Amino acid sequence: MDGQAGKMSETSARLLRLLALLQTPREWPGSELAERLGVSGRTVRKDVERLRELGYPVDATRGSSGGYRLGSGAAMPPLLLDDEEAVAVAVALRTVAQGALAGVEETALRALAKLEQVLPSRLRRRVGALHAYTVPVPSDRPMPSVDPELLTALASACRDSERLRLDYRRHDGSATRREVEPHRLVNWGRRWYLLAYDTARSDWRTFRVDRVELRGPAGPRFTPREPPEGDAAAFVSRGVSAAAWRHRARVVVHAPAEAVAERISPAVGVVEPVDSAGCVLHTGADSVETLAVHLGLLGVDFEVADLPELVAHLRELAARYGRATG
């Protein structure tokens, strides 16, 4: 009996090693698997059949370039994770459970409980330490809840280039009906945005996903357009920031546009080249004090072309700094 138990244990361990190899995103020739596992090709074929009986969809291709790889099945089989992968998944689930993606906190907690139950104690201690000694900054405003099913529906429409009809609730609470060509979902912090081409307005628009309600099934397919300015994330971040600016300024900067663009985030402003030695920065902020900080961090000479309030504040700062230096 001891010999039989040992043989079963050896077979089980080999199956786990085989499964770990097959979970890497590549195709494995049978001869290479046999060499890695220290067994014959016949044993590899038998082990592959055992994995299939356990519900793992192992695909096989014939020929000199053929081999084995793990495919997609109808059900979710157990996964093998190494130490670093297990910690990464646990940390990600904990982050989501704390509200990083509103609407799936309970699901993330259930998955995290299952994972932590089987984690070795050394890994459980690492994950626990990270959770216990990490403190999130509390928000003074509630984060909007986003339906995960809506996110997947929007992502599918972007992938399949299908028009969408949606009701959109504006910031003031009013509703409007839109027909759009979805391009990309953009995640910024804990908010989600849909970048889409509004067919009625013949222009690109950004929609907050928590204010979107889909109307009916997806419409006809469309030919995807080039994204605005070539960068969906930069376009959305600029648009969202500009919508919240209370103060806007046009600033002439005495430095090349490339150098200025490297120093600022797209959410802070848009750089417009003038010549090889200068550019114009279109920027804004919620206060002139914040604007002055952004401009001071440029580290180059500049002139404020408008916004008298900012000019007055910069003069006050110059006088204060002058007094500070004697």
C-alpha atoms as a PDB file:
ATOM      1  CA  MET A   1       0.000   0.000   0.000  1.00  0.00           C
ATOM      2  CA  ASP A   2       2.847   2.385   0.828  1.00  0.00           C
ATOM      3  CA  GLY A   3       4.335   1.815  -2.620  1.00  0.00           C
ATOM      4  CA  GLN A   4       0.996   2.447  -4.297  1.00  0.00           C
ATOM      5  CA  ALA A   5       0.423   5.606  -2.252  1.00  0.00           C
ATOM      6  CA  GLY A   6       3.883   6.843  -3.152  1.00  0.00           C
ATOM      7  CA  LYS A   7       3.254   6.176  -6.829  1.00  0.00           C
ATOM      8  CA  MET A   8      -0.059   8.090  -6.695  1.00  0.00           C
ATOM      9  CA  SER A   9       1.649  10.974  -4.909  1.00  0.00           C
ATOM     10  CA  GLU A  10       4.367  11.049  -7.556  1.00  0.00           C
ATOM     11  CA  THR A  11       1.763  11.052 -10.339  1.00  0.00           C
ATOM     12  CA  SER A  12      -0.206  13.865  -8.679  1.00  0.00           C
ATOM     13  CA  ALA A  13       2.923  15.964  -8.248  1.00  0.00           C
ATOM     14  CA  ARG A  14       3.834  15.389 -11.894  1.00  0.00           C
ATOM     15  CA  LEU A  15       0.326  16.409 -13.016  1.00  0.00           C
ATOM     16  CA  LEU A  16       0.669  19.646 -11.065  1.00  0.00           C
ATOM     17  CA  ARG A  17       4.054  20.357 -12.674  1.00  0.00           C
ATOM     18  CA  LEU A  18       2.580  19.603 -16.102  1.00  0.00           C
ATOM     19  CA  LEU A  19      -0.365  21.911 -15.429  1.00  0.00           C
ATOM     20  CA  ALA A  20       1.966  24.701 -14.284  1.00  0.00           C
ATOM     21  CA  LEU A  21       3.899  24.395 -17.555  1.00  0.00           C
ATOM     22  CA  LEU A  22       0.756  24.381 -19.697  1.00  0.00           C
ATOM     23  CA  GLN A  23      -0.570  27.535 -18.004  1.00  0.00           C
ATOM     24  CA  THR A  24       2.241  29.577 -19.519  1.00  0.00           C
ATOM     25  CA  PRO A  25       1.049  31.270 -22.748  1.00  0.00           C
ATOM     26  CA  ARG A  26       2.890  29.103 -25.287  1.00  0.00           C
ATOM     27  CA  GLU A  27       2.684  25.761 -27.067  1.00  0.00           C
ATOM     28  CA  TRP A  28       4.765  22.920 -25.628  1.00  0.00           C
ATOM     29  CA  PRO A  29       6.144  20.130 -27.847  1.00  0.00           C
ATOM     30  CA  GLY A  30       5.572  16.719 -26.280  1.00  0.00           C
ATOM     31  CA  SER A  31       9.283  15.975 -26.329  1.00  0.00           C
ATOM     32  CA  GLU A  32      10.063  19.140 -24.339  1.00  0.00           C
ATOM     33  CA  LEU A  33       7.396  18.338 -21.759  1.00  0.00           C
ATOM     34  CA  ALA A  34       8.787  14.812 -21.414  1.00  0.00           C
ATOM     35  CA  GLU A  35      12.290  16.214 -20.876  1.00  0.00           C
ATOM     36  CA  ARG A  36      11.081  18.770 -18.317  1.00  0.00           C
ATOM     37  CA  LEU A  37       9.147  16.125 -16.362  1.00  0.00           C
ATOM     38  CA  GLY A  38      11.710  13.346 -16.751  1.00  0.00           C
ATOM     39  CA  VAL A  39       9.232  10.870 -18.261  1.00  0.00           C
ATOM     40  CA  SER A  40       8.474   9.299 -21.620  1.00  0.00           C
ATOM     41  CA  GLY A  41       6.305  10.808 -24.343  1.00  0.00           C
ATOM     42  CA  ARG A  42       3.742   8.073 -23.677  1.00  0.00           C
ATOM     43  CA  THR A  43       3.493   9.164 -20.024  1.00  0.00           C
ATOM     44  CA  VAL A  44       3.006  12.782 -21.120  1.00  0.00           C
ATOM     45  CA  ARG A  45       0.097  11.734 -23.347  1.00  0.00           C
ATOM     46  CA  LYS A  46      -1.477   9.800 -20.449  1.00  0.00           C
ATOM     47  CA  ASP A  47      -1.052  12.777 -18.098  1.00  0.00           C
ATOM     48  CA  VAL A  48      -2.650  15.074 -20.655  1.00  0.00           C
ATOM     49  CA  GLU A  49      -5.663  12.742 -20.785  1.00  0.00           C
ATOM     50  CA  ARG A  50      -5.873  12.808 -16.978  1.00  0.00           C
ATOM     51  CA  LEU A  51      -5.942  16.614 -17.022  1.00  0.00           C
ATOM     52  CA  ARG A  52      -8.722  16.548 -19.609  1.00  0.00           C
ATOM     53  CA  GLU A  53     -10.729  14.181 -17.395  1.00  0.00           C
ATOM     54  CA  LEU A  54     -10.321  16.707 -14.564  1.00  0.00           C
ATOM     55  CA  GLY A  55     -11.829  19.443 -16.741  1.00  0.00           C
ATOM     56  CA  TYR A  56      -8.702  21.147 -18.108  1.00  0.00           C
ATOM     57  CA  PRO A  57      -9.110  21.855 -21.856  1.00  0.00           C
ATOM     58  CA  VAL A  58      -5.690  20.800 -23.173  1.00  0.00           C
ATOM     59  CA  ASP A  59      -5.484  21.384 -26.929  1.00  0.00           C
ATOM     60  CA  ALA A  60      -3.117  19.328 -29.081  1.00  0.00           C
ATOM     61  CA  THR A  61      -1.816  19.914 -32.599  1.00  0.00           C
ATOM     62  CA  ARG A  62      -0.125  17.291 -34.740  1.00  0.00           C
ATOM     63  CA  GLY A  63       2.957  17.504 -36.906  1.00  0.00           C
ATOM     64  CA  SER A  64       6.593  18.412 -36.410  1.00  0.00           C
ATOM     65  CA  SER A  65       5.659  21.874 -35.094  1.00  0.00           C
ATOM     66  CA  GLY A  66       2.714  20.635 -33.032  1.00  0.00           C
ATOM     67  CA  GLY A  67       2.374  20.432 -29.292  1.00  0.00           C
ATOM     68  CA  TYR A  68       0.137  21.028 -26.294  1.00  0.00           C
ATOM     69  CA  ARG A  69      -1.345  24.182 -24.832  1.00  0.00           C
ATOM     70  CA  LEU A  70      -4.100  25.001 -22.345  1.00  0.00           C
ATOM     71  CA  GLY A  71      -7.210  26.277 -24.093  1.00  0.00           C
ATOM     72  CA  SER A  72     -10.456  27.879 -22.978  1.00  0.00           C
ATOM     73  CA  GLY A  73     -13.172  25.611 -21.674  1.00  0.00           C
ATOM     74  CA  ALA A  74     -16.839  25.872 -20.781  1.00  0.00           C
ATOM     75  CA  ALA A  75     -16.135  25.951 -17.038  1.00  0.00           C
ATOM     76  CA  MET A  76     -13.477  27.628 -14.914  1.00  0.00           C
ATOM     77  CA  PRO A  77     -10.957  24.982 -13.772  1.00  0.00           C
ATOM     78  CA  PRO A  78      -8.661  25.500 -10.759  1.00  0.00           C
ATOM     79  CA  LEU A  79      -5.554  27.577 -11.473  1.00  0.00           C
ATOM     80  CA  LEU A  80      -2.013  27.088 -10.260  1.00  0.00           C
ATOM     81  CA  LEU A  81      -0.317  30.270  -9.058  1.00  0.00           C
ATOM     82  CA  ASP A  82       3.271  30.714  -7.946  1.00  0.00           C
ATOM     83  CA  ASP A  83       4.031  32.723  -4.797  1.00  0.00           C
ATOM     84  CA  GLU A  84       4.350  36.109  -6.489  1.00  0.00           C
ATOM     85  CA  GLU A  85       1.249  35.557  -8.626  1.00  0.00           C
ATOM     86  CA  ALA A  86      -0.813  34.563  -5.578  1.00  0.00           C
ATOM     87  CA  VAL A  87       0.279  37.669  -3.644  1.00  0.00           C
ATOM     88  CA  ALA A  88      -0.435  39.916  -6.644  1.00  0.00           C
ATOM     89  CA  VAL A  89      -3.944  38.481  -7.064  1.00  0.00           C
ATOM     90  CA  ALA A  90      -4.675  38.814  -3.339  1.00  0.00           C
ATOM     91  CA  VAL A  91      -3.515  42.446  -3.283  1.00  0.00           C
ATOM     92  CA  ALA A  92      -5.567  43.261  -6.392  1.00  0.00           C
ATOM     93  CA  LEU A  93      -8.684  41.663  -4.904  1.00  0.00           C
ATOM     94  CA  ARG A  94      -8.190  43.536  -1.626  1.00  0.00           C
ATOM     95  CA  THR A  95      -7.852  46.818  -3.533  1.00  0.00           C
ATOM     96  CA  VAL A  96     -11.048  46.171  -5.479  1.00  0.00           C
ATOM     97  CA  ALA A  97     -12.869  45.096  -2.313  1.00  0.00           C
ATOM     98  CA  GLN A  98     -12.010  48.481  -0.787  1.00  0.00           C
ATOM     99  CA  GLY A  99     -13.865  50.230  -3.572  1.00  0.00           C
ATOM    100  CA  ALA A 100     -11.318  50.732  -6.362  1.00  0.00           C
ATOM    101  CA  LEU A 101     -13.998  49.413  -8.731  1.00  0.00           C
ATOM    102  CA  ALA A 102     -17.388  50.278  -7.293  1.00  0.00           C
ATOM    103  CA  GLY A 103     -20.039  47.629  -7.726  1.00  0.00           C
ATOM    104  CA  VAL A 104     -17.944  44.468  -7.362  1.00  0.00           C
ATOM    105  CA  GLU A 105     -16.724  44.805  -3.767  1.00  0.00           C
ATOM    106  CA  GLU A 106     -18.751  41.835  -2.487  1.00  0.00           C
ATOM    107  CA  THR A 107     -17.624  39.586  -5.343  1.00  0.00           C
ATOM    108  CA  ALA A 108     -13.989  40.549  -4.725  1.00  0.00           C
ATOM    109  CA  LEU A 109     -14.349  39.767  -1.008  1.00  0.00           C
ATOM    110  CA  ARG A 110     -15.728  36.296  -1.771  1.00  0.00           C
ATOM    111  CA  ALA A 111     -12.870  35.559  -4.151  1.00  0.00           C
ATOM    112  CA  LEU A 112     -10.329  36.926  -1.661  1.00  0.00           C
ATOM    113  CA  ALA A 113     -11.709  34.709   1.135  1.00  0.00           C
ATOM    114  CA  LYS A 114     -11.332  31.628  -1.079  1.00  0.00           C
ATOM    115  CA  LEU A 115      -7.774  32.544  -2.004  1.00  0.00           C
ATOM    116  CA  GLU A 116      -6.633  33.399   1.538  1.00  0.00           C
ATOM    117  CA  GLN A 117      -8.064  30.096   2.798  1.00  0.00           C
ATOM    118  CA  VAL A 118      -5.565  28.122   0.714  1.00  0.00           C
ATOM    119  CA  LEU A 119      -2.579  30.496   0.898  1.00  0.00           C
ATOM    120  CA  PRO A 120       0.448  29.113   2.749  1.00  0.00           C
ATOM    121  CA  SER A 121       1.055  30.889   6.051  1.00  0.00           C
ATOM    122  CA  ARG A 122       4.168  32.663   4.718  1.00  0.00           C
ATOM    123  CA  LEU A 123       2.151  34.231   1.912  1.00  0.00           C
ATOM    124  CA  ARG A 124      -0.831  34.956   4.132  1.00  0.00           C
ATOM    125  CA  ARG A 125       1.493  36.928   6.427  1.00  0.00           C
ATOM    126  CA  ARG A 126       2.814  38.983   3.491  1.00  0.00           C
ATOM    127  CA  VAL A 127      -0.673  39.821   2.263  1.00  0.00           C
ATOM    128  CA  GLY A 128      -1.890  40.522   5.807  1.00  0.00           C
ATOM    129  CA  ALA A 129       1.021  42.862   6.528  1.00  0.00           C
ATOM    130  CA  LEU A 130       0.383  44.841   3.373  1.00  0.00           C
ATOM    131  CA  HIS A 131      -3.299  45.190   4.276  1.00  0.00           C
ATOM    132  CA  ALA A 132      -2.691  46.046   7.941  1.00  0.00           C
ATOM    133  CA  TYR A 133      -0.043  48.686   7.269  1.00  0.00           C
ATOM    134  CA  THR A 134      -1.636  50.398   4.265  1.00  0.00           C
ATOM    135  CA  VAL A 135      -3.983  53.302   5.001  1.00  0.00           C
ATOM    136  CA  PRO A 136      -6.130  54.795   2.219  1.00  0.00           C
ATOM    137  CA  VAL A 137      -6.722  58.538   2.127  1.00  0.00           C
ATOM    138  CA  PRO A 138     -10.421  59.086   2.895  1.00  0.00           C
ATOM    139  CA  SER A 139     -12.411  60.875   0.226  1.00  0.00           C
ATOM    140  CA  ASP A 140     -14.616  63.829   1.098  1.00  0.00           C
ATOM    141  CA  ARG A 141     -17.066  62.842  -1.623  1.00  0.00           C
ATOM    142  CA  PRO A 142     -18.736  59.482  -2.338  1.00  0.00           C
ATOM    143  CA  MET A 143     -17.335  57.618  -5.317  1.00  0.00           C
ATOM    144  CA  PRO A 144     -19.825  56.784  -8.082  1.00  0.00           C
ATOM    145  CA  SER A 145     -20.876  53.168  -8.461  1.00  0.00           C
ATOM    146  CA  VAL A 146     -20.293  51.554 -11.858  1.00  0.00           C
ATOM    147  CA  ASP A 147     -22.132  48.401 -12.912  1.00  0.00           C
ATOM    148  CA  PRO A 148     -19.534  45.785 -14.032  1.00  0.00           C
ATOM    149  CA  GLU A 149     -22.033  44.439 -16.583  1.00  0.00           C
ATOM    150  CA  LEU A 150     -22.285  47.910 -18.117  1.00  0.00           C
ATOM    151  CA  LEU A 151     -18.493  48.117 -18.309  1.00  0.00           C
ATOM    152  CA  THR A 152     -18.258  44.777 -20.115  1.00  0.00           C
ATOM    153  CA  ALA A 153     -21.098  45.749 -22.473  1.00  0.00           C
ATOM    154  CA  LEU A 154     -19.340  49.010 -23.371  1.00  0.00           C
ATOM    155  CA  ALA A 155     -15.996  47.241 -23.801  1.00  0.00           C
ATOM    156  CA  SER A 156     -17.616  44.650 -26.096  1.00  0.00           C
ATOM    157  CA  ALA A 157     -19.163  47.411 -28.215  1.00  0.00           C
ATOM    158  CA  CYS A 158     -15.738  49.088 -28.502  1.00  0.00           C
ATOM    159  CA  ARG A 159     -14.171  45.778 -29.538  1.00  0.00           C
ATOM    160  CA  ASP A 160     -16.884  44.924 -32.087  1.00  0.00           C
ATOM    161  CA  SER A 161     -17.292  48.507 -33.424  1.00  0.00           C
ATOM    162  CA  GLU A 162     -21.041  48.541 -32.729  1.00  0.00           C
ATOM    163  CA  ARG A 163     -23.066  51.743 -32.386  1.00  0.00           C
ATOM    164  CA  LEU A 164     -24.764  52.390 -29.069  1.00  0.00           C
ATOM    165  CA  ARG A 165     -27.945  54.210 -28.130  1.00  0.00           C
ATOM    166  CA  LEU A 166     -27.786  55.548 -24.616  1.00  0.00           C
ATOM    167  CA  ASP A 167     -29.408  57.918 -22.170  1.00  0.00           C
ATOM    168  CA  TYR A 168     -26.875  60.247 -20.579  1.00  0.00           C
ATOM    169  CA  ARG A 169     -27.403  62.224 -17.389  1.00  0.00           C
ATOM    170  CA  ARG A 170     -25.553  65.531 -17.411  1.00  0.00           C
ATOM    171  CA  HIS A 171     -23.873  67.165 -14.413  1.00  0.00           C
ATOM    172  CA  ASP A 172     -26.973  69.289 -13.776  1.00  0.00           C
ATOM    173  CA  GLY A 173     -29.202  66.197 -13.712  1.00  0.00           C
ATOM    174  CA  SER A 174     -30.848  66.704 -17.094  1.00  0.00           C
ATOM    175  CA  ALA A 175     -31.054  63.708 -19.450  1.00  0.00           C
ATOM    176  CA  THR A 176     -30.263  63.453 -23.125  1.00  0.00           C
ATOM    177  CA  ARG A 177     -30.500  60.669 -25.715  1.00  0.00           C
ATOM    178  CA  ARG A 178     -27.278  59.960 -27.653  1.00  0.00           C
ATOM    179  CA  GLU A 179     -26.211  57.676 -30.486  1.00  0.00           C
ATOM    180  CA  VAL A 180     -22.462  57.093 -30.415  1.00  0.00           C
ATOM    181  CA  GLU A 181     -19.629  55.089 -31.894  1.00  0.00           C
ATOM    182  CA  PRO A 182     -17.720  53.803 -28.821  1.00  0.00           C
ATOM    183  CA  HIS A 183     -13.926  53.880 -29.019  1.00  0.00           C
ATOM    184  CA  ARG A 184     -12.283  53.278 -25.625  1.00  0.00           C
ATOM    185  CA  LEU A 185     -12.993  52.997 -21.908  1.00  0.00           C
ATOM    186  CA  VAL A 186     -10.680  55.191 -19.837  1.00  0.00           C
ATOM    187  CA  ASN A 187     -10.103  54.562 -16.143  1.00  0.00           C
ATOM    188  CA  TRP A 188      -8.948  57.583 -14.137  1.00  0.00           C
ATOM    189  CA  GLY A 189      -8.571  56.880 -10.434  1.00  0.00           C
ATOM    190  CA  ARG A 190     -11.941  55.486  -9.365  1.00  0.00           C
ATOM    191  CA  ARG A 191     -13.914  56.988 -12.235  1.00  0.00           C
ATOM    192  CA  TRP A 192     -14.648  55.404 -15.603  1.00  0.00           C
ATOM    193  CA  TYR A 193     -15.175  57.315 -18.847  1.00  0.00           C
ATOM    194  CA  LEU A 194     -16.327  56.292 -22.314  1.00  0.00           C
ATOM    195  CA  LEU A 195     -14.663  58.021 -25.246  1.00  0.00           C
ATOM    196  CA  ALA A 196     -17.036  57.900 -28.217  1.00  0.00           C
ATOM    197  CA  TYR A 197     -17.871  59.712 -31.443  1.00  0.00           C
ATOM    198  CA  ASP A 198     -21.265  61.425 -31.166  1.00  0.00           C
ATOM    199  CA  THR A 199     -22.893  60.981 -34.565  1.00  0.00           C
ATOM    200  CA  ALA A 200     -25.473  63.759 -34.085  1.00  0.00           C
ATOM    201  CA  ARG A 201     -22.835  66.310 -33.041  1.00  0.00           C
ATOM    202  CA  SER A 202     -20.182  65.040 -35.474  1.00  0.00           C
ATOM    203  CA  ASP A 203     -17.532  65.253 -32.787  1.00  0.00           C
ATOM    204  CA  TRP A 204     -15.801  63.260 -30.054  1.00  0.00           C
ATOM    205  CA  ARG A 205     -17.373  63.263 -26.606  1.00  0.00           C
ATOM    206  CA  THR A 206     -16.441  61.936 -23.164  1.00  0.00           C
ATOM    207  CA  PHE A 207     -19.167  60.274 -21.056  1.00  0.00           C
ATOM    208  CA  ARG A 208     -18.943  59.341 -17.386  1.00  0.00           C
ATOM    209  CA  VAL A 209     -19.944  55.681 -17.273  1.00  0.00           C
ATOM    210  CA  ASP A 210     -21.873  56.008 -13.999  1.00  0.00           C
ATOM    211  CA  ARG A 211     -24.214  58.431 -15.820  1.00  0.00           C
ATOM    212  CA  VAL A 212     -24.776  56.144 -18.814  1.00  0.00           C
ATOM    213  CA  GLU A 213     -27.834  53.940 -19.363  1.00  0.00           C
ATOM    214  CA  LEU A 214     -27.885  51.746 -22.460  1.00  0.00           C
ATOM    215  CA  ARG A 215     -31.042  51.723 -24.556  1.00  0.00           C
ATOM    216  CA  GLY A 216     -31.790  48.462 -26.353  1.00  0.00           C
ATOM    217  CA  PRO A 217     -29.312  46.171 -28.086  1.00  0.00           C
ATOM    218  CA  ALA A 218     -26.207  47.414 -29.868  1.00  0.00           C
ATOM    219  CA  GLY A 219     -26.814  48.963 -33.259  1.00  0.00           C
ATOM    220  CA  PRO A 220     -25.127  48.433 -36.631  1.00  0.00           C
ATOM    221  CA  ARG A 221     -21.383  48.152 -37.001  1.00  0.00           C
ATOM    222  CA  PHE A 222     -19.247  51.108 -38.020  1.00  0.00           C
ATOM    223  CA  THR A 223     -15.784  51.717 -39.396  1.00  0.00           C
ATOM    224  CA  PRO A 224     -13.557  52.812 -36.478  1.00  0.00           C
ATOM    225  CA  ARG A 225     -12.211  56.363 -36.689  1.00  0.00           C
ATOM    226  CA  GLU A 226      -8.771  57.584 -35.735  1.00  0.00           C
ATOM    227  CA  PRO A 227      -8.835  58.575 -32.033  1.00  0.00           C
ATOM    228  CA  PRO A 228      -8.707  62.316 -31.293  1.00  0.00           C
ATOM    229  CA  GLU A 229      -5.117  63.577 -31.105  1.00  0.00           C
ATOM    230  CA  GLY A 230      -4.012  59.951 -31.302  1.00  0.00           C
ATOM    231  CA  ASP A 231      -4.326  59.321 -27.557  1.00  0.00           C
ATOM    232  CA  ALA A 232      -7.634  58.446 -25.886  1.00  0.00           C
ATOM    233  CA  ALA A 233      -6.338  58.752 -22.314  1.00  0.00           C
ATOM    234  CA  ALA A 234      -4.766  62.186 -22.893  1.00  0.00           C
ATOM    235  CA  PHE A 235      -7.886  63.483 -24.652  1.00  0.00           C
ATOM    236  CA  VAL A 236     -10.168  62.357 -21.816  1.00  0.00           C
ATOM    237  CA  SER A 237      -7.888  63.647 -19.045  1.00  0.00           C
ATOM    238  CA  ARG A 238      -7.611  67.069 -20.699  1.00  0.00           C
ATOM    239  CA  GLY A 239     -11.352  67.290 -21.288  1.00  0.00           C
ATOM    240  CA  VAL A 240     -12.300  66.198 -17.778  1.00  0.00           C
ATOM    241  CA  SER A 241      -9.793  68.563 -16.166  1.00  0.00           C
ATOM    242  CA  ALA A 242     -10.776  71.528 -18.316  1.00  0.00           C
ATOM    243  CA  ALA A 243     -14.444  71.004 -17.475  1.00  0.00           C
ATOM    244  CA  ALA A 244     -13.611  71.424 -13.783  1.00  0.00           C
ATOM    245  CA  TRP A 245     -11.343  74.493 -14.174  1.00  0.00           C
ATOM    246  CA  ARG A 246     -12.617  77.690 -12.608  1.00  0.00           C
ATOM    247  CA  HIS A 247      -9.707  79.729 -13.995  1.00  0.00           C
ATOM    248  CA  ARG A 248      -8.178  79.392 -17.468  1.00  0.00           C
ATOM    249  CA  ALA A 249      -4.988  81.020 -18.691  1.00  0.00           C
ATOM    250  CA  ARG A 250      -3.003  81.407 -21.889  1.00  0.00           C
ATOM    251  CA  VAL A 251       0.709  81.469 -21.056  1.00  0.00           C
ATOM    252  CA  VAL A 252       3.587  82.211 -23.425  1.00  0.00           C
ATOM    253  CA  VAL A 253       6.501  79.983 -22.398  1.00  0.00           C
ATOM    254  CA  HIS A 254      10.074  80.738 -23.502  1.00  0.00           C
ATOM    255  CA  ALA A 255      11.084  77.140 -24.048  1.00  0.00           C
ATOM    256  CA  PRO A 256      10.578  74.510 -26.782  1.00  0.00           C
ATOM    257  CA  ALA A 257       7.186  72.813 -26.781  1.00  0.00           C
ATOM    258  CA  GLU A 258       8.804  69.366 -26.393  1.00  0.00           C
ATOM    259  CA  ALA A 259      10.586  70.433 -23.204  1.00  0.00           C
ATOM    260  CA  VAL A 260       7.443  71.967 -21.703  1.00  0.00           C
ATOM    261  CA  ALA A 261       5.280  68.945 -22.593  1.00  0.00           C
ATOM    262  CA  GLU A 262       7.686  66.686 -20.682  1.00  0.00           C
ATOM    263  CA  ARG A 263       7.227  68.763 -17.517  1.00  0.00           C
ATOM    264  CA  ILE A 264       3.434  68.793 -17.314  1.00  0.00           C
ATOM    265  CA  SER A 265       0.648  66.237 -17.280  1.00  0.00           C
ATOM    266  CA  PRO A 266      -1.955  66.321 -20.073  1.00  0.00           C
ATOM    267  CA  ALA A 267      -4.476  66.968 -17.306  1.00  0.00           C
ATOM    268  CA  VAL A 268      -2.744  70.268 -16.491  1.00  0.00           C
ATOM    269  CA  GLY A 269      -2.697  71.843 -19.913  1.00  0.00           C
ATOM    270  CA  VAL A 270      -2.187  71.703 -23.673  1.00  0.00           C
ATOM    271  CA  VAL A 271       1.078  72.839 -25.273  1.00  0.00           C
ATOM    272  CA  GLU A 272       0.910  74.619 -28.637  1.00  0.00           C
ATOM    273  CA  PRO A 273       4.256  75.046 -30.479  1.00  0.00           C
ATOM    274  CA  VAL A 274       5.101  78.517 -31.789  1.00  0.00           C
ATOM    275  CA  ASP A 275       8.700  78.169 -32.968  1.00  0.00           C
ATOM    276  CA  SER A 276      11.852  76.275 -31.997  1.00  0.00           C
ATOM    277  CA  ALA A 277      12.358  78.431 -28.895  1.00  0.00           C
ATOM    278  CA  GLY A 278       8.845  79.033 -27.594  1.00  0.00           C
ATOM    279  CA  CYS A 279       5.301  77.741 -27.184  1.00  0.00           C
ATOM    280  CA  VAL A 280       1.908  78.620 -25.758  1.00  0.00           C
ATOM    281  CA  LEU A 281       0.512  76.728 -22.779  1.00  0.00           C
ATOM    282  CA  HIS A 282      -3.284  76.613 -22.440  1.00  0.00           C
ATOM    283  CA  THR A 283      -3.850  75.692 -18.831  1.00  0.00           C
ATOM    284  CA  GLY A 284      -6.195  76.125 -15.906  1.00  0.00           C
ATOM    285  CA  ALA A 285      -6.936  75.184 -12.321  1.00  0.00           C
ATOM    286  CA  ASP A 286      -9.500  75.567  -9.588  1.00  0.00           C
ATOM    287  CA  SER A 287      -7.573  78.517  -8.120  1.00  0.00           C
ATOM    288  CA  VAL A 288      -4.959  81.057  -9.244  1.00  0.00           C
ATOM    289  CA  GLU A 289      -2.726  79.803  -6.407  1.00  0.00           C
ATOM    290  CA  THR A 290      -2.651  76.324  -7.949  1.00  0.00           C
ATOM    291  CA  LEU A 291      -1.991  77.838 -11.377  1.00  0.00           C
ATOM    292  CA  ALA A 292       0.984  79.765  -9.985  1.00  0.00           C
ATOM    293  CA  VAL A 293       2.423  76.549  -8.551  1.00  0.00           C
ATOM    294  CA  HIS A 294       2.119  74.751 -11.908  1.00  0.00           C
ATOM    295  CA  LEU A 295       3.832  77.604 -13.729  1.00  0.00           C
ATOM    296  CA  GLY A 296       6.594  77.857 -11.128  1.00  0.00           C
ATOM    297  CA  LEU A 297       7.396  74.177 -11.563  1.00  0.00           C
ATOM    298  CA  LEU A 298       8.097  74.703 -15.276  1.00  0.00           C
ATOM    299  CA  GLY A 299      11.513  76.077 -14.369  1.00  0.00           C
ATOM    300  CA  VAL A 300      11.603  78.468 -17.355  1.00  0.00           C
ATOM    301  CA  ASP A 301      10.575  82.065 -18.120  1.00  0.00           C
ATOM    302  CA  PHE A 302       6.967  82.713 -19.086  1.00  0.00           C
ATOM    303  CA  GLU A 303       4.436  85.517 -19.610  1.00  0.00           C
ATOM    304  CA  VAL A 304       0.745  85.386 -18.707  1.00  0.00           C
ATOM    305  CA  ALA A 305      -1.192  86.570 -21.740  1.00  0.00           C
ATOM    306  CA  ASP A 306      -4.512  86.981 -19.934  1.00  0.00           C
ATOM    307  CA  LEU A 307      -6.227  86.307 -16.571  1.00  0.00           C
ATOM    308  CA  PRO A 308      -5.517  89.501 -14.541  1.00  0.00           C
ATOM    309  CA  GLU A 309      -6.158  87.651 -11.257  1.00  0.00           C
ATOM    310  CA  LEU A 310      -3.192  85.358 -11.971  1.00  0.00           C
ATOM    311  CA  VAL A 311      -0.970  88.308 -12.910  1.00  0.00           C
ATOM    312  CA  ALA A 312      -1.825  90.050  -9.624  1.00  0.00           C
ATOM    313  CA  HIS A 313      -1.087  86.903  -7.636  1.00  0.00           C
ATOM    314  CA  LEU A 314       2.282  86.400  -9.383  1.00  0.00           C
ATOM    315  CA  ARG A 315       3.249  90.026  -8.556  1.00  0.00           C
ATOM    316  CA  GLU A 316       2.342  89.408  -4.926  1.00  0.00           C
ATOM    317  CA  LEU A 317       4.458  86.257  -4.903  1.00  0.00           C
ATOM    318  CA  ALA A 318       7.393  88.082  -6.520  1.00  0.00           C
ATOM    319  CA  ALA A 319       7.271  90.782  -3.845  1.00  0.00           C
ATOM    320  CA  ARG A 320       7.039  88.205  -1.062  1.00  0.00           C
ATOM    321  CA  TYR A 321       9.988  86.207  -2.415  1.00  0.00           C
ATOM    322  CA  GLY A 322      11.953  89.445  -2.797  1.00  0.00           C
ATOM    323  CA  ARG A 323      11.377  90.285   0.861  1.00  0.00           C
ATOM    324  CA  ALA A 324      12.340  86.735   1.844  1.00  0.00           C
ATOM    325  CA  THR A 325      15.746  87.107   0.164  1.00  0.00           C
ATOM    326  CA  GLY A 326      16.510  90.529   1.772  1.00  0.00           C
END
